[in-house]
Amino acid sequence: MATKKSAAKKTKTAVKKTAVKKPAVKKVTAKKAPAKKAPAKKVVVPKPEPTYEQIADLARKYFEEHGGHGATADEDWLRAERELKGI
């Protein structure tokens, strides 16, 4: 009986088929256009408010330029304030 078992084992292993692998096929896909980057956002830093002294100095300069004639101190002050604030 030992021979039948060994013979049966041999036939099972001999009959066993090995799987034949097929070569892999690569899928060809259309290339996508690169994504467009959004433009960088500009960071706006608010300009600091001019100090009282800065406005007064510039208003005094305007006053001296026109020799105190033609414009009032208030007009010189408002002009200096507008210029320093960038309005």
N, C-alpha and C. Protein backbone atom coordinates (compact mmCIF):
# COMPACT_ATOMS: atom_id res chain seq x y z
N MET A 1 0.78 -1.17 0.00
CA MET A 1 0.00 0.00 0.00
C MET A 1 0.84 1.26 0.00
N ALA A 2 1.96 1.15 0.46
CA ALA A 2 2.82 2.31 0.49
C ALA A 2 3.15 2.77 -0.91
N THR A 3 3.17 1.88 -1.81
CA THR A 3 3.48 2.27 -3.18
C THR A 3 2.33 2.97 -3.84
N LYS A 4 1.10 2.61 -3.51
CA LYS A 4 -0.03 3.29 -4.11
C LYS A 4 -0.10 4.74 -3.64
N LYS A 5 0.19 4.93 -2.37
CA LYS A 5 0.14 6.30 -1.84
C LYS A 5 1.22 7.16 -2.49
N SER A 6 2.42 6.64 -2.58
CA SER A 6 3.49 7.41 -3.18
C SER A 6 3.24 7.63 -4.66
N ALA A 7 2.62 6.66 -5.32
CA ALA A 7 2.30 6.81 -6.73
C ALA A 7 1.20 7.86 -6.91
N ALA A 8 0.24 7.86 -5.99
CA ALA A 8 -0.83 8.84 -6.07
C ALA A 8 -0.29 10.25 -5.84
N LYS A 9 0.63 10.39 -4.93
CA LYS A 9 1.24 11.70 -4.67
C LYS A 9 2.00 12.19 -5.89
N LYS A 10 2.71 11.30 -6.55
CA LYS A 10 3.49 11.68 -7.72
C LYS A 10 2.58 12.15 -8.84
N THR A 11 1.47 11.47 -9.01
CA THR A 11 0.57 11.86 -10.10
C THR A 11 -0.09 13.20 -9.80
N LYS A 12 -0.40 13.46 -8.54
CA LYS A 12 -1.01 14.74 -8.19
C LYS A 12 -0.03 15.89 -8.43
N THR A 13 1.19 15.68 -8.05
CA THR A 13 2.17 16.74 -8.25
C THR A 13 2.53 16.88 -9.71
N ALA A 14 2.52 15.80 -10.46
CA ALA A 14 2.87 15.87 -11.87
C ALA A 14 1.74 16.51 -12.67
N VAL A 15 0.51 16.31 -12.23
CA VAL A 15 -0.64 16.84 -12.94
C VAL A 15 -0.82 18.33 -12.64
N LYS A 16 -0.32 18.75 -11.54
CA LYS A 16 -0.48 20.14 -11.12
C LYS A 16 0.10 21.06 -12.19
N LYS A 17 -0.74 21.98 -12.67
CA LYS A 17 -0.30 22.90 -13.72
C LYS A 17 0.22 24.18 -13.10
N THR A 18 1.21 24.70 -13.72
CA THR A 18 1.70 26.00 -13.26
C THR A 18 1.00 27.08 -14.06
N ALA A 19 0.61 28.12 -13.39
CA ALA A 19 -0.10 29.21 -14.05
C ALA A 19 0.87 30.02 -14.89
N VAL A 20 0.47 30.29 -16.09
CA VAL A 20 1.30 31.09 -16.98
C VAL A 20 0.84 32.53 -16.85
N LYS A 21 1.77 33.40 -16.46
CA LYS A 21 1.43 34.82 -16.28
C LYS A 21 1.52 35.52 -17.62
N LYS A 22 0.50 36.33 -17.86
CA LYS A 22 0.50 37.13 -19.07
C LYS A 22 1.24 38.43 -18.77
N PRO A 23 1.90 38.99 -19.77
CA PRO A 23 2.60 40.25 -19.51
C PRO A 23 1.60 41.35 -19.16
N ALA A 24 1.99 42.19 -18.22
CA ALA A 24 1.12 43.28 -17.77
C ALA A 24 0.97 44.30 -18.89
N VAL A 25 -0.24 44.77 -19.07
CA VAL A 25 -0.51 45.78 -20.09
C VAL A 25 -0.75 47.10 -19.38
N LYS A 26 0.03 48.11 -19.75
CA LYS A 26 -0.12 49.42 -19.14
C LYS A 26 -1.25 50.17 -19.83
N LYS A 27 -2.09 50.77 -19.03
CA LYS A 27 -3.16 51.58 -19.58
C LYS A 27 -2.61 52.97 -19.90
N VAL A 28 -2.90 53.42 -21.08
CA VAL A 28 -2.43 54.74 -21.49
C VAL A 28 -3.59 55.72 -21.29
N THR A 29 -3.33 56.74 -20.47
CA THR A 29 -4.36 57.75 -20.23
C THR A 29 -3.85 59.09 -20.73
N ALA A 30 -4.78 59.94 -21.05
CA ALA A 30 -4.42 61.28 -21.51
C ALA A 30 -3.83 62.06 -20.35
N LYS A 31 -2.79 62.81 -20.63
CA LYS A 31 -2.16 63.62 -19.59
C LYS A 31 -3.01 64.84 -19.32
N LYS A 32 -3.17 65.14 -18.05
CA LYS A 32 -3.94 66.31 -17.65
C LYS A 32 -3.02 67.52 -17.61
N ALA A 33 -3.57 68.65 -17.92
CA ALA A 33 -2.81 69.90 -17.84
C ALA A 33 -2.54 70.20 -16.37
N PRO A 34 -1.36 70.73 -16.06
CA PRO A 34 -1.08 71.04 -14.65
C PRO A 34 -2.06 72.08 -14.13
N ALA A 35 -2.41 71.93 -12.88
CA ALA A 35 -3.36 72.85 -12.26
C ALA A 35 -2.75 74.24 -12.17
N LYS A 36 -3.58 75.23 -12.43
CA LYS A 36 -3.10 76.62 -12.34
C LYS A 36 -3.13 77.05 -10.90
N LYS A 37 -2.06 77.71 -10.50
CA LYS A 37 -1.99 78.22 -9.14
C LYS A 37 -2.72 79.55 -9.05
N ALA A 38 -3.40 79.73 -7.96
CA ALA A 38 -4.09 81.00 -7.73
C ALA A 38 -3.04 82.08 -7.45
N PRO A 39 -3.26 83.29 -7.93
CA PRO A 39 -2.28 84.35 -7.66
C PRO A 39 -2.18 84.61 -6.16
N ALA A 40 -0.98 84.91 -5.76
CA ALA A 40 -0.75 85.17 -4.34
C ALA A 40 -1.54 86.40 -3.90
N LYS A 41 -2.14 86.30 -2.75
CA LYS A 41 -2.91 87.43 -2.23
C LYS A 41 -1.96 88.45 -1.64
N LYS A 42 -2.23 89.69 -1.96
CA LYS A 42 -1.40 90.77 -1.42
C LYS A 42 -1.88 91.10 -0.02
N VAL A 43 -0.94 91.19 0.86
CA VAL A 43 -1.26 91.53 2.24
C VAL A 43 -1.21 93.04 2.36
N VAL A 44 -2.31 93.61 2.75
CA VAL A 44 -2.38 95.07 2.90
C VAL A 44 -2.22 95.40 4.38
N VAL A 45 -1.14 96.09 4.66
CA VAL A 45 -0.88 96.50 6.03
C VAL A 45 -1.34 97.95 6.15
N PRO A 46 -2.27 98.21 7.05
CA PRO A 46 -2.76 99.58 7.17
C PRO A 46 -1.65 100.53 7.62
N LYS A 47 -1.67 101.70 7.02
CA LYS A 47 -0.68 102.71 7.36
C LYS A 47 -1.03 103.27 8.73
N PRO A 48 -0.04 103.38 9.62
CA PRO A 48 -0.35 103.91 10.95
C PRO A 48 -0.80 105.37 10.86
N GLU A 49 -1.70 105.72 11.75
CA GLU A 49 -2.20 107.10 11.79
C GLU A 49 -1.06 108.06 12.13
N PRO A 50 -1.00 109.20 11.46
CA PRO A 50 0.04 110.17 11.80
C PRO A 50 -0.21 110.76 13.19
N THR A 51 0.85 111.07 13.85
CA THR A 51 0.74 111.64 15.20
C THR A 51 0.41 113.14 15.10
N TYR A 52 -0.03 113.67 16.20
CA TYR A 52 -0.35 115.10 16.29
C TYR A 52 0.87 115.94 15.91
N GLU A 53 2.04 115.52 16.41
CA GLU A 53 3.28 116.27 16.15
C GLU A 53 3.63 116.26 14.66
N GLN A 54 3.44 115.11 13.99
CA GLN A 54 3.74 115.03 12.56
C GLN A 54 2.85 115.97 11.75
N ILE A 55 1.57 115.98 12.09
CA ILE A 55 0.63 116.86 11.38
C ILE A 55 0.98 118.32 11.65
N ALA A 56 1.28 118.64 12.91
CA ALA A 56 1.60 120.02 13.29
C ALA A 56 2.86 120.50 12.58
N ASP A 57 3.88 119.66 12.51
CA ASP A 57 5.14 120.04 11.84
C ASP A 57 4.91 120.33 10.36
N LEU A 58 4.14 119.47 9.69
CA LEU A 58 3.90 119.67 8.27
C LEU A 58 3.00 120.90 8.04
N ALA A 59 2.03 121.09 8.88
CA ALA A 59 1.15 122.27 8.76
C ALA A 59 1.96 123.56 8.95
N ARG A 60 2.88 123.53 9.90
CA ARG A 60 3.75 124.69 10.14
C ARG A 60 4.63 124.96 8.91
N LYS A 61 5.11 123.89 8.27
CA LYS A 61 5.93 124.04 7.07
C LYS A 61 5.11 124.71 5.96
N TYR A 62 3.86 124.25 5.77
CA TYR A 62 3.00 124.86 4.75
C TYR A 62 2.73 126.33 5.07
N PHE A 63 2.52 126.61 6.34
CA PHE A 63 2.25 127.98 6.78
C PHE A 63 3.44 128.88 6.46
N GLU A 64 4.64 128.37 6.73
CA GLU A 64 5.85 129.16 6.48
C GLU A 64 6.11 129.32 4.99
N GLU A 65 5.75 128.31 4.18
CA GLU A 65 5.97 128.39 2.73
C GLU A 65 5.18 129.53 2.10
N HIS A 66 3.94 129.71 2.55
CA HIS A 66 3.16 130.79 1.95
C HIS A 66 3.22 132.06 2.80
N GLY A 67 4.11 132.08 3.79
CA GLY A 67 4.34 133.30 4.56
C GLY A 67 3.17 133.72 5.43
N GLY A 68 2.27 132.81 5.72
CA GLY A 68 1.13 133.14 6.57
C GLY A 68 0.03 133.86 5.83
N HIS A 69 0.18 134.05 4.53
CA HIS A 69 -0.82 134.78 3.75
C HIS A 69 -1.52 133.80 2.80
N GLY A 70 -2.80 133.99 2.63
CA GLY A 70 -3.56 133.23 1.62
C GLY A 70 -4.31 132.04 2.17
N ALA A 71 -3.75 131.30 3.07
CA ALA A 71 -4.44 130.12 3.61
C ALA A 71 -4.51 130.25 5.12
N THR A 72 -5.52 129.66 5.69
CA THR A 72 -5.64 129.72 7.15
C THR A 72 -4.90 128.56 7.78
N ALA A 73 -4.73 128.64 9.07
CA ALA A 73 -4.07 127.57 9.80
C ALA A 73 -4.87 126.27 9.68
N ASP A 74 -6.19 126.38 9.65
CA ASP A 74 -7.04 125.18 9.51
C ASP A 74 -6.82 124.51 8.16
N GLU A 75 -6.72 125.30 7.11
CA GLU A 75 -6.49 124.74 5.77
C GLU A 75 -5.13 124.05 5.70
N ASP A 76 -4.12 124.68 6.32
CA ASP A 76 -2.79 124.05 6.36
C ASP A 76 -2.83 122.75 7.14
N TRP A 77 -3.57 122.74 8.25
CA TRP A 77 -3.69 121.54 9.08
C TRP A 77 -4.37 120.42 8.29
N LEU A 78 -5.48 120.73 7.63
CA LEU A 78 -6.20 119.71 6.86
C LEU A 78 -5.38 119.19 5.69
N ARG A 79 -4.62 120.08 5.05
CA ARG A 79 -3.75 119.67 3.95
C ARG A 79 -2.67 118.71 4.44
N ALA A 80 -2.07 119.04 5.58
CA ALA A 80 -1.03 118.18 6.15
C ALA A 80 -1.61 116.82 6.56
N GLU A 81 -2.80 116.85 7.12
CA GLU A 81 -3.45 115.62 7.56
C GLU A 81 -3.78 114.72 6.35
N ARG A 82 -4.31 115.30 5.29
CA ARG A 82 -4.61 114.53 4.08
C ARG A 82 -3.36 113.92 3.48
N GLU A 83 -2.29 114.70 3.43
CA GLU A 83 -1.06 114.20 2.83
C GLU A 83 -0.45 113.06 3.64
N LEU A 84 -0.44 113.20 4.96
CA LEU A 84 0.15 112.16 5.81
C LEU A 84 -0.69 110.89 5.83
N LYS A 85 -2.00 111.02 5.71
CA LYS A 85 -2.88 109.85 5.70
C LYS A 85 -2.96 109.20 4.33
N GLY A 86 -2.48 109.92 3.32
CA GLY A 86 -2.51 109.37 1.95
C GLY A 86 -3.87 109.40 1.33
N ILE A 87 -4.67 110.37 1.71
CA ILE A 87 -6.03 110.48 1.16
C ILE A 87 -6.00 111.21 -0.16
